[in-house]
Structures are given as structure tokens and as C-alpha cells.
Amino acid sequence: MKALADIDGVSQLRILDLCGSSVTFESVKMVLKVCINICRLNLTSCRALPRGIKRNYQTVDEVLTLRQQINDGKFDDNNPD
């Protein structure tokens, strides 16, 4: 995941399927921050992710909503929401 995010310039990555992987929340945050062109993201069955984030984001709007929720701290450990 770090290699995907460590790209000089803007990443052209548009679709990322991580279904069933052990990807971490920090890695997802990093990729979403750097890979601004992602329009589909599959996080179903990713055991290391917080509850509520493990789903298939199939549209640009869904990915944008996820980005905003992460930026707002919705999935942080100390957030009661």
C-alpha cells in the first residue's frame, strides 16, 4: 500500500480492490489522500479496518463521502459516533 501512495505527482489509480486483505486503516487513509482519482474501492471483509468502513464503494460520490468521513474523524478510535 505504501508503494501505491509513494508516487511523485498525481496517481492515475482509479480502481482498487482490497477485498479480504489485511490492509490497515492508516494505509487506506494514505492511499485515499494521495490517489485522488480513485472512483471505486472495495474494502469488504478487510478484518483490520474499523466497523462501518468495510464495504464496496462503487461510485465517485461514495468514495468522496468516505474521504470526507475519514477527514472528519468518523472512524478514529476515540470518536464516539
N, C-alpha and C. Protein backbone atom coordinates (compact mmCIF):
# COMPACT_ATOMS: atom_id res chain seq x y z
N MET A 1 0.83 -1.19 0.00
CA MET A 1 0.00 0.00 0.00
C MET A 1 0.87 1.25 0.00
N LYS A 2 1.96 1.20 0.74
CA LYS A 2 2.85 2.36 0.79
C LYS A 2 3.39 2.68 -0.59
N ALA A 3 3.70 1.66 -1.37
CA ALA A 3 4.22 1.87 -2.72
C ALA A 3 3.19 2.57 -3.60
N LEU A 4 1.91 2.27 -3.41
CA LEU A 4 0.87 2.95 -4.18
C LEU A 4 0.79 4.43 -3.84
N ALA A 5 1.01 4.74 -2.58
CA ALA A 5 0.88 6.12 -2.12
C ALA A 5 2.16 6.92 -2.34
N ASP A 6 3.31 6.25 -2.47
CA ASP A 6 4.58 6.94 -2.65
C ASP A 6 4.88 7.21 -4.12
N ILE A 7 4.00 7.91 -4.76
CA ILE A 7 4.14 8.21 -6.18
C ILE A 7 4.35 9.72 -6.32
N ASP A 8 5.36 10.10 -7.09
CA ASP A 8 5.57 11.53 -7.36
C ASP A 8 4.49 12.00 -8.32
N GLY A 9 3.89 13.13 -8.01
CA GLY A 9 2.82 13.64 -8.85
C GLY A 9 1.49 13.05 -8.46
N VAL A 10 0.57 12.99 -9.41
CA VAL A 10 -0.79 12.50 -9.16
C VAL A 10 -0.92 11.08 -9.69
N SER A 11 -1.37 10.19 -8.84
CA SER A 11 -1.57 8.80 -9.24
C SER A 11 -2.76 8.68 -10.18
N GLN A 12 -2.64 7.83 -11.16
CA GLN A 12 -3.74 7.58 -12.10
C GLN A 12 -4.61 6.41 -11.67
N LEU A 13 -4.32 5.84 -10.50
CA LEU A 13 -5.09 4.71 -9.98
C LEU A 13 -6.56 5.09 -9.83
N ARG A 14 -7.44 4.29 -10.44
CA ARG A 14 -8.87 4.60 -10.40
C ARG A 14 -9.69 3.53 -9.67
N ILE A 15 -9.25 2.28 -9.72
CA ILE A 15 -10.00 1.18 -9.10
C ILE A 15 -9.03 0.39 -8.22
N LEU A 16 -9.45 0.15 -6.97
CA LEU A 16 -8.62 -0.60 -6.04
C LEU A 16 -9.50 -1.61 -5.31
N ASP A 17 -9.18 -2.90 -5.47
CA ASP A 17 -9.95 -3.96 -4.83
C ASP A 17 -9.08 -4.60 -3.75
N LEU A 18 -9.42 -4.35 -2.49
CA LEU A 18 -8.68 -4.88 -1.36
C LEU A 18 -9.50 -5.90 -0.58
N CYS A 19 -10.53 -6.42 -1.18
CA CYS A 19 -11.45 -7.35 -0.54
C CYS A 19 -10.70 -8.50 0.14
N GLY A 20 -10.99 -8.71 1.42
CA GLY A 20 -10.43 -9.81 2.16
C GLY A 20 -8.97 -9.65 2.56
N SER A 21 -8.40 -8.49 2.32
CA SER A 21 -6.99 -8.30 2.66
C SER A 21 -6.85 -7.86 4.12
N SER A 22 -5.60 -7.77 4.56
CA SER A 22 -5.34 -7.31 5.92
C SER A 22 -4.84 -5.87 5.92
N VAL A 23 -5.32 -5.09 4.98
CA VAL A 23 -4.94 -3.68 4.86
C VAL A 23 -5.31 -2.93 6.15
N THR A 24 -4.46 -1.99 6.54
CA THR A 24 -4.72 -1.21 7.75
C THR A 24 -5.47 0.06 7.42
N PHE A 25 -6.09 0.62 8.43
CA PHE A 25 -6.81 1.88 8.27
C PHE A 25 -5.86 3.01 7.87
N GLU A 26 -4.67 3.03 8.46
CA GLU A 26 -3.69 4.07 8.11
C GLU A 26 -3.30 3.98 6.64
N SER A 27 -3.18 2.77 6.12
CA SER A 27 -2.84 2.59 4.70
C SER A 27 -3.96 3.09 3.80
N VAL A 28 -5.18 2.79 4.16
CA VAL A 28 -6.33 3.26 3.37
C VAL A 28 -6.37 4.78 3.37
N LYS A 29 -6.16 5.37 4.54
CA LYS A 29 -6.15 6.84 4.62
C LYS A 29 -5.06 7.43 3.73
N MET A 30 -3.88 6.83 3.75
CA MET A 30 -2.76 7.33 2.95
C MET A 30 -3.08 7.24 1.45
N VAL A 31 -3.61 6.11 1.02
CA VAL A 31 -3.92 5.93 -0.39
C VAL A 31 -5.02 6.90 -0.83
N LEU A 32 -6.04 7.07 -0.02
CA LEU A 32 -7.12 7.99 -0.39
C LEU A 32 -6.62 9.44 -0.46
N LYS A 33 -5.65 9.76 0.35
CA LYS A 33 -5.09 11.12 0.35
C LYS A 33 -4.28 11.38 -0.92
N VAL A 34 -3.51 10.39 -1.34
CA VAL A 34 -2.59 10.58 -2.47
C VAL A 34 -3.24 10.22 -3.81
N CYS A 35 -4.03 9.19 -3.84
CA CYS A 35 -4.63 8.71 -5.09
C CYS A 35 -6.01 9.36 -5.26
N ILE A 36 -6.00 10.58 -5.74
CA ILE A 36 -7.24 11.38 -5.79
C ILE A 36 -8.19 10.96 -6.90
N ASN A 37 -7.73 10.10 -7.82
CA ASN A 37 -8.58 9.68 -8.93
C ASN A 37 -9.35 8.39 -8.67
N ILE A 38 -9.24 7.83 -7.48
CA ILE A 38 -9.96 6.58 -7.19
C ILE A 38 -11.47 6.82 -7.28
N CYS A 39 -12.12 5.98 -8.07
CA CYS A 39 -13.58 6.11 -8.22
C CYS A 39 -14.30 4.85 -7.74
N ARG A 40 -13.55 3.76 -7.50
CA ARG A 40 -14.13 2.54 -6.93
C ARG A 40 -13.12 1.93 -5.97
N LEU A 41 -13.62 1.52 -4.80
CA LEU A 41 -12.75 0.99 -3.76
C LEU A 41 -13.50 -0.11 -3.01
N ASN A 42 -12.96 -1.32 -3.06
CA ASN A 42 -13.61 -2.44 -2.39
C ASN A 42 -12.86 -2.76 -1.10
N LEU A 43 -13.52 -2.54 0.03
CA LEU A 43 -12.94 -2.82 1.35
C LEU A 43 -13.72 -3.89 2.11
N THR A 44 -14.52 -4.67 1.40
CA THR A 44 -15.31 -5.71 2.06
C THR A 44 -14.40 -6.78 2.65
N SER A 45 -14.79 -7.28 3.82
CA SER A 45 -14.09 -8.36 4.52
C SER A 45 -12.64 -8.05 4.88
N CYS A 46 -12.31 -6.79 5.06
CA CYS A 46 -10.96 -6.40 5.49
C CYS A 46 -10.97 -6.34 7.02
N ARG A 47 -10.47 -7.38 7.65
CA ARG A 47 -10.58 -7.55 9.10
C ARG A 47 -9.92 -6.45 9.92
N ALA A 48 -8.87 -5.84 9.43
CA ALA A 48 -8.13 -4.85 10.22
C ALA A 48 -8.77 -3.46 10.19
N LEU A 49 -9.83 -3.29 9.42
CA LEU A 49 -10.45 -1.97 9.31
C LEU A 49 -11.55 -1.79 10.36
N PRO A 50 -11.83 -0.53 10.72
CA PRO A 50 -12.88 -0.28 11.70
C PRO A 50 -14.27 -0.62 11.16
N ARG A 51 -15.16 -0.88 12.08
CA ARG A 51 -16.55 -1.17 11.74
C ARG A 51 -17.15 0.02 10.98
N GLY A 52 -17.93 -0.26 9.97
CA GLY A 52 -18.60 0.79 9.21
C GLY A 52 -17.88 1.19 7.94
N ILE A 53 -16.63 0.80 7.81
CA ILE A 53 -15.85 1.17 6.62
C ILE A 53 -15.72 0.00 5.64
N LYS A 54 -16.00 -1.20 6.12
CA LYS A 54 -15.79 -2.43 5.35
C LYS A 54 -16.94 -2.65 4.37
N ARG A 55 -16.83 -2.02 3.21
CA ARG A 55 -17.85 -2.20 2.18
C ARG A 55 -17.28 -1.89 0.82
N ASN A 56 -18.09 -2.03 -0.20
CA ASN A 56 -17.66 -1.77 -1.57
C ASN A 56 -18.16 -0.39 -1.99
N TYR A 57 -17.25 0.51 -2.23
CA TYR A 57 -17.58 1.88 -2.66
C TYR A 57 -17.52 1.88 -4.18
N GLN A 58 -18.69 1.93 -4.82
CA GLN A 58 -18.78 1.69 -6.27
C GLN A 58 -18.91 2.94 -7.11
N THR A 59 -19.08 4.10 -6.49
CA THR A 59 -19.21 5.33 -7.26
C THR A 59 -18.25 6.39 -6.73
N VAL A 60 -18.01 7.39 -7.55
CA VAL A 60 -17.15 8.50 -7.14
C VAL A 60 -17.73 9.17 -5.89
N ASP A 61 -19.04 9.36 -5.86
CA ASP A 61 -19.68 10.00 -4.71
C ASP A 61 -19.48 9.20 -3.42
N GLU A 62 -19.55 7.88 -3.51
CA GLU A 62 -19.34 7.04 -2.33
C GLU A 62 -17.89 7.16 -1.84
N VAL A 63 -16.94 7.19 -2.76
CA VAL A 63 -15.53 7.34 -2.38
C VAL A 63 -15.30 8.72 -1.77
N LEU A 64 -15.90 9.75 -2.35
CA LEU A 64 -15.77 11.11 -1.81
C LEU A 64 -16.36 11.19 -0.40
N THR A 65 -17.49 10.53 -0.19
CA THR A 65 -18.11 10.52 1.14
C THR A 65 -17.19 9.82 2.14
N LEU A 66 -16.60 8.70 1.74
CA LEU A 66 -15.66 8.01 2.61
C LEU A 66 -14.48 8.91 2.95
N ARG A 67 -13.93 9.58 1.96
CA ARG A 67 -12.81 10.51 2.20
C ARG A 67 -13.20 11.57 3.23
N GLN A 68 -14.38 12.14 3.07
CA GLN A 68 -14.84 13.18 3.98
C GLN A 68 -15.04 12.63 5.39
N GLN A 69 -15.62 11.45 5.51
CA GLN A 69 -15.82 10.83 6.81
C GLN A 69 -14.50 10.56 7.51
N ILE A 70 -13.51 10.10 6.76
CA ILE A 70 -12.19 9.87 7.32
C ILE A 70 -11.57 11.19 7.78
N ASN A 71 -11.67 12.22 6.94
CA ASN A 71 -11.14 13.54 7.31
C ASN A 71 -11.83 14.11 8.54
N ASP A 72 -13.11 13.80 8.70
CA ASP A 72 -13.87 14.28 9.85
C ASP A 72 -13.61 13.45 11.11
N GLY A 73 -12.86 12.36 10.98
CA GLY A 73 -12.52 11.54 12.13
C GLY A 73 -13.58 10.52 12.50
N LYS A 74 -14.49 10.23 11.61
CA LYS A 74 -15.60 9.32 11.94
C LYS A 74 -15.11 7.94 12.40
N PHE A 75 -14.03 7.43 11.83
CA PHE A 75 -13.58 6.08 12.13
C PHE A 75 -12.41 6.04 13.10
N ASP A 76 -12.07 7.17 13.68
CA ASP A 76 -10.98 7.21 14.66
C ASP A 76 -11.40 6.46 15.92
N ASP A 77 -10.45 5.86 16.59
CA ASP A 77 -10.72 5.07 17.80
C ASP A 77 -11.46 5.82 18.90
N ASN A 78 -11.13 7.10 19.06
CA ASN A 78 -11.71 7.86 20.15
C ASN A 78 -12.98 8.61 19.78
N ASN A 79 -13.48 8.41 18.58
CA ASN A 79 -14.70 9.08 18.14
C ASN A 79 -15.91 8.24 18.54
N PRO A 80 -16.84 8.79 19.35
CA PRO A 80 -17.99 8.03 19.82
C PRO A 80 -19.08 7.80 18.78
N ASP A 81 -18.98 8.44 17.61
CA ASP A 81 -20.05 8.30 16.58
C ASP A 81 -20.05 6.97 15.93
